[in-house]
Amino acid sequence: MTRRCPRTIQRSVNVNDCIKHAKAHLSRPITIAAAPHVAFRKLSAEGAVVLHLKSAAYFRLNELGATIWGMVQDETPFNEVVSRISSLYEETPAELETEIAQFVDELASRDLLTVRPLS
C-alpha cells in the first residue's frame, strides 16, 4: 500500500535556496548516517524527536522523517534510501529524491546527519 508523502520537516528558510543546495546531493553519490552525538526517540504514530547531545537542541520529525532516520543509523547510500521510501509512497522517485535531499541537507546543516561521498 502506498500513501501520499507528507513533508518531512517544516522549513523556516528560503525554499528555493534549500532546493538548490539539496540538489547538489543528487548530482553525486553519497552516503548518509546519523551523527554519533544525536539521540533519537520514536513517538507513537506521530513521528519522532532527535536531540543534539552537544547543544541540547531537539527537533521533531514527522512519520516520513522518522522512517528515513531509522534507515540511516549506519552509513546508507542516498539512492538506497530513496528507493526504499519510493516503495512506501505514491510520489515519483524524482519527487521523493528532491524531498529527501532537502531533508538530508537540513539535518546535515544542523549537525544531525553526516554526509560523505560514496566510496
C-alpha atoms as a PDB file:
ATOM      1  CA  MET A   1       0.000   0.000   0.000  1.00  0.00           C
ATOM      2  CA  THR A   2       1.365   3.393  -0.931  1.00  0.00           C
ATOM      3  CA  ARG A   3       0.366   6.702   0.558  1.00  0.00           C
ATOM      4  CA  ARG A   4       0.897  10.376  -0.091  1.00  0.00           C
ATOM      5  CA  CYS A   5       4.234  11.634   1.170  1.00  0.00           C
ATOM      6  CA  PRO A   6       3.999  14.207   3.972  1.00  0.00           C
ATOM      7  CA  ARG A   7       6.599  16.962   4.197  1.00  0.00           C
ATOM      8  CA  THR A   8       9.405  15.709   6.435  1.00  0.00           C
ATOM      9  CA  ILE A   9      10.237  18.971   8.181  1.00  0.00           C
ATOM     10  CA  GLN A  10       8.935  22.490   8.483  1.00  0.00           C
ATOM     11  CA  ARG A  11      11.179  24.929   6.661  1.00  0.00           C
ATOM     12  CA  SER A  12      11.917  28.372   8.022  1.00  0.00           C
ATOM     13  CA  VAL A  13      14.450  29.220   5.322  1.00  0.00           C
ATOM     14  CA  ASN A  14      14.092  30.231   1.695  1.00  0.00           C
ATOM     15  CA  VAL A  15      12.730  27.118  -0.005  1.00  0.00           C
ATOM     16  CA  ASN A  16      14.367  27.925  -3.374  1.00  0.00           C
ATOM     17  CA  ASP A  17      17.801  28.177  -1.723  1.00  0.00           C
ATOM     18  CA  CYS A  18      17.122  24.949   0.129  1.00  0.00           C
ATOM     19  CA  ILE A  19      16.151  23.144  -3.090  1.00  0.00           C
ATOM     20  CA  LYS A  20      19.190  24.463  -4.983  1.00  0.00           C
ATOM     21  CA  HIS A  21      21.573  23.352  -2.230  1.00  0.00           C
ATOM     22  CA  ALA A  22      19.855  19.998  -1.761  1.00  0.00           C
ATOM     23  CA  LYS A  23      20.084  19.198  -5.480  1.00  0.00           C
ATOM     24  CA  ALA A  24      23.856  19.063  -5.050  1.00  0.00           C
ATOM     25  CA  HIS A  25      23.261  15.754  -3.237  1.00  0.00           C
ATOM     26  CA  LEU A  26      21.529  14.416  -6.326  1.00  0.00           C
ATOM     27  CA  SER A  27      24.466  15.057  -8.651  1.00  0.00           C
ATOM     28  CA  ARG A  28      26.952  12.828  -6.835  1.00  0.00           C
ATOM     29  CA  PRO A  29      26.715   9.515  -4.975  1.00  0.00           C
ATOM     30  CA  ILE A  30      26.766   9.983  -1.198  1.00  0.00           C
ATOM     31  CA  THR A  31      26.159   8.058   1.981  1.00  0.00           C
ATOM     32  CA  ILE A  32      24.267   9.491   4.908  1.00  0.00           C
ATOM     33  CA  ALA A  33      24.350   8.474   8.561  1.00  0.00           C
ATOM     34  CA  ALA A  34      23.025   9.678  11.885  1.00  0.00           C
ATOM     35  CA  ALA A  35      25.659  11.699  13.728  1.00  0.00           C
ATOM     36  CA  PRO A  36      27.054   9.882  16.786  1.00  0.00           C
ATOM     37  CA  HIS A  37      26.138  12.753  19.130  1.00  0.00           C
ATOM     38  CA  VAL A  38      22.390  12.552  18.422  1.00  0.00           C
ATOM     39  CA  ALA A  39      19.735  10.685  20.404  1.00  0.00           C
ATOM     40  CA  PHE A  40      16.518   9.503  18.756  1.00  0.00           C
ATOM     41  CA  ARG A  41      13.142   8.748  20.310  1.00  0.00           C
ATOM     42  CA  LYS A  42      10.215   7.359  18.314  1.00  0.00           C
ATOM     43  CA  LEU A  43       6.857   8.817  19.252  1.00  0.00           C
ATOM     44  CA  SER A  44       3.689   6.741  18.772  1.00  0.00           C
ATOM     45  CA  ALA A  45       2.340   7.328  15.261  1.00  0.00           C
ATOM     46  CA  GLU A  46       3.289  10.998  15.274  1.00  0.00           C
ATOM     47  CA  GLY A  47       6.925  10.690  14.209  1.00  0.00           C
ATOM     48  CA  ALA A  48       9.995  11.152  16.382  1.00  0.00           C
ATOM     49  CA  VAL A  49      12.261  13.557  18.201  1.00  0.00           C
ATOM     50  CA  VAL A  50      16.030  13.842  17.739  1.00  0.00           C
ATOM     51  CA  LEU A  51      18.229  15.509  20.341  1.00  0.00           C
ATOM     52  CA  HIS A  52      21.624  17.030  19.558  1.00  0.00           C
ATOM     53  CA  LEU A  53      23.511  15.997  22.681  1.00  0.00           C
ATOM     54  CA  LYS A  54      26.182  18.715  22.400  1.00  0.00           C
ATOM     55  CA  SER A  55      23.798  21.662  22.075  1.00  0.00           C
ATOM     56  CA  ALA A  56      20.703  20.173  23.793  1.00  0.00           C
ATOM     57  CA  ALA A  57      18.607  21.332  20.816  1.00  0.00           C
ATOM     58  CA  TYR A  58      15.842  18.976  19.799  1.00  0.00           C
ATOM     59  CA  PHE A  59      13.998  18.584  16.521  1.00  0.00           C
ATOM     60  CA  ARG A  60      10.695  16.950  15.741  1.00  0.00           C
ATOM     61  CA  LEU A  61      10.378  14.652  12.722  1.00  0.00           C
ATOM     62  CA  ASN A  62       7.119  13.537  11.183  1.00  0.00           C
ATOM     63  CA  GLU A  63       6.446   9.913  10.221  1.00  0.00           C
ATOM     64  CA  LEU A  64       8.443  10.119   6.974  1.00  0.00           C
ATOM     65  CA  GLY A  65      11.377  11.815   8.693  1.00  0.00           C
ATOM     66  CA  ALA A  66      11.354   9.133  11.398  1.00  0.00           C
ATOM     67  CA  THR A  67      11.307   6.409   8.739  1.00  0.00           C
ATOM     68  CA  ILE A  68      14.305   7.953   6.972  1.00  0.00           C
ATOM     69  CA  TRP A  69      16.109   8.371  10.303  1.00  0.00           C
ATOM     70  CA  GLY A  70      15.628   4.674  11.007  1.00  0.00           C
ATOM     71  CA  MET A  71      17.287   3.837   7.694  1.00  0.00           C
ATOM     72  CA  VAL A  72      20.429   5.883   8.328  1.00  0.00           C
ATOM     73  CA  GLN A  73      21.604   4.547  11.681  1.00  0.00           C
ATOM     74  CA  ASP A  74      24.539   3.119   9.750  1.00  0.00           C
ATOM     75  CA  GLU A  75      26.005   4.702   6.632  1.00  0.00           C
ATOM     76  CA  THR A  76      23.445   4.208   3.898  1.00  0.00           C
ATOM     77  CA  PRO A  77      23.715   5.228   0.243  1.00  0.00           C
ATOM     78  CA  PHE A  78      21.374   8.103  -0.553  1.00  0.00           C
ATOM     79  CA  ASN A  79      19.904   6.285  -3.580  1.00  0.00           C
ATOM     80  CA  GLU A  80      19.070   3.269  -1.365  1.00  0.00           C
ATOM     81  CA  VAL A  81      17.079   5.500   0.989  1.00  0.00           C
ATOM     82  CA  VAL A  82      15.194   6.987  -1.987  1.00  0.00           C
ATOM     83  CA  SER A  83      14.484   3.524  -3.390  1.00  0.00           C
ATOM     84  CA  ARG A  84      13.164   2.193  -0.080  1.00  0.00           C
ATOM     85  CA  ILE A  85      10.988   5.270   0.527  1.00  0.00           C
ATOM     86  CA  SER A  86       9.679   5.093  -3.065  1.00  0.00           C
ATOM     87  CA  SER A  87       8.170   1.709  -2.295  1.00  0.00           C
ATOM     88  CA  LEU A  88       6.156   3.273   0.558  1.00  0.00           C
ATOM     89  CA  TYR A  89       4.778   6.462  -1.015  1.00  0.00           C
ATOM     90  CA  GLU A  90       2.919   7.486  -4.171  1.00  0.00           C
ATOM     91  CA  GLU A  91       5.282  10.211  -5.385  1.00  0.00           C
ATOM     92  CA  THR A  92       7.642   9.578  -8.238  1.00  0.00           C
ATOM     93  CA  PRO A  93      11.223   8.744  -7.284  1.00  0.00           C
ATOM     94  CA  ALA A  94      12.305  12.159  -8.649  1.00  0.00           C
ATOM     95  CA  GLU A  95       9.856  13.985  -6.350  1.00  0.00           C
ATOM     96  CA  LEU A  96      10.935  11.920  -3.365  1.00  0.00           C
ATOM     97  CA  GLU A  97      14.593  12.334  -4.241  1.00  0.00           C
ATOM     98  CA  THR A  98      14.264  16.120  -4.038  1.00  0.00           C
ATOM     99  CA  GLU A  99      12.276  15.990  -0.790  1.00  0.00           C
ATOM    100  CA  ILE A 100      14.735  13.572   0.822  1.00  0.00           C
ATOM    101  CA  ALA A 101      17.708  15.654  -0.375  1.00  0.00           C
ATOM    102  CA  GLN A 102      16.162  18.712   1.279  1.00  0.00           C
ATOM    103  CA  PHE A 103      15.643  16.739   4.490  1.00  0.00           C
ATOM    104  CA  VAL A 104      19.235  15.459   4.445  1.00  0.00           C
ATOM    105  CA  ASP A 105      20.569  18.945   3.724  1.00  0.00           C
ATOM    106  CA  GLU A 106      18.560  20.479   6.577  1.00  0.00           C
ATOM    107  CA  LEU A 107      19.643  17.871   9.131  1.00  0.00           C
ATOM    108  CA  ALA A 108      23.272  17.917   7.962  1.00  0.00           C
ATOM    109  CA  SER A 109      23.325  21.716   8.338  1.00  0.00           C
ATOM    110  CA  ARG A 110      22.202  21.234  11.962  1.00  0.00           C
ATOM    111  CA  ASP A 111      24.950  18.626  12.567  1.00  0.00           C
ATOM    112  CA  LEU A 112      22.423  15.810  12.987  1.00  0.00           C
ATOM    113  CA  LEU A 113      23.475  13.777   9.928  1.00  0.00           C
ATOM    114  CA  THR A 114      26.838  13.130   8.330  1.00  0.00           C
ATOM    115  CA  VAL A 115      27.140  13.181   4.543  1.00  0.00           C
ATOM    116  CA  ARG A 116      30.100  11.553   2.814  1.00  0.00           C
ATOM    117  CA  PRO A 117      30.995  10.748  -0.778  1.00  0.00           C
ATOM    118  CA  LEU A 118      30.201   7.145  -1.658  1.00  0.00           C
ATOM    119  CA  SER A 119      33.473   5.263  -1.920  1.00  0.00           C
END
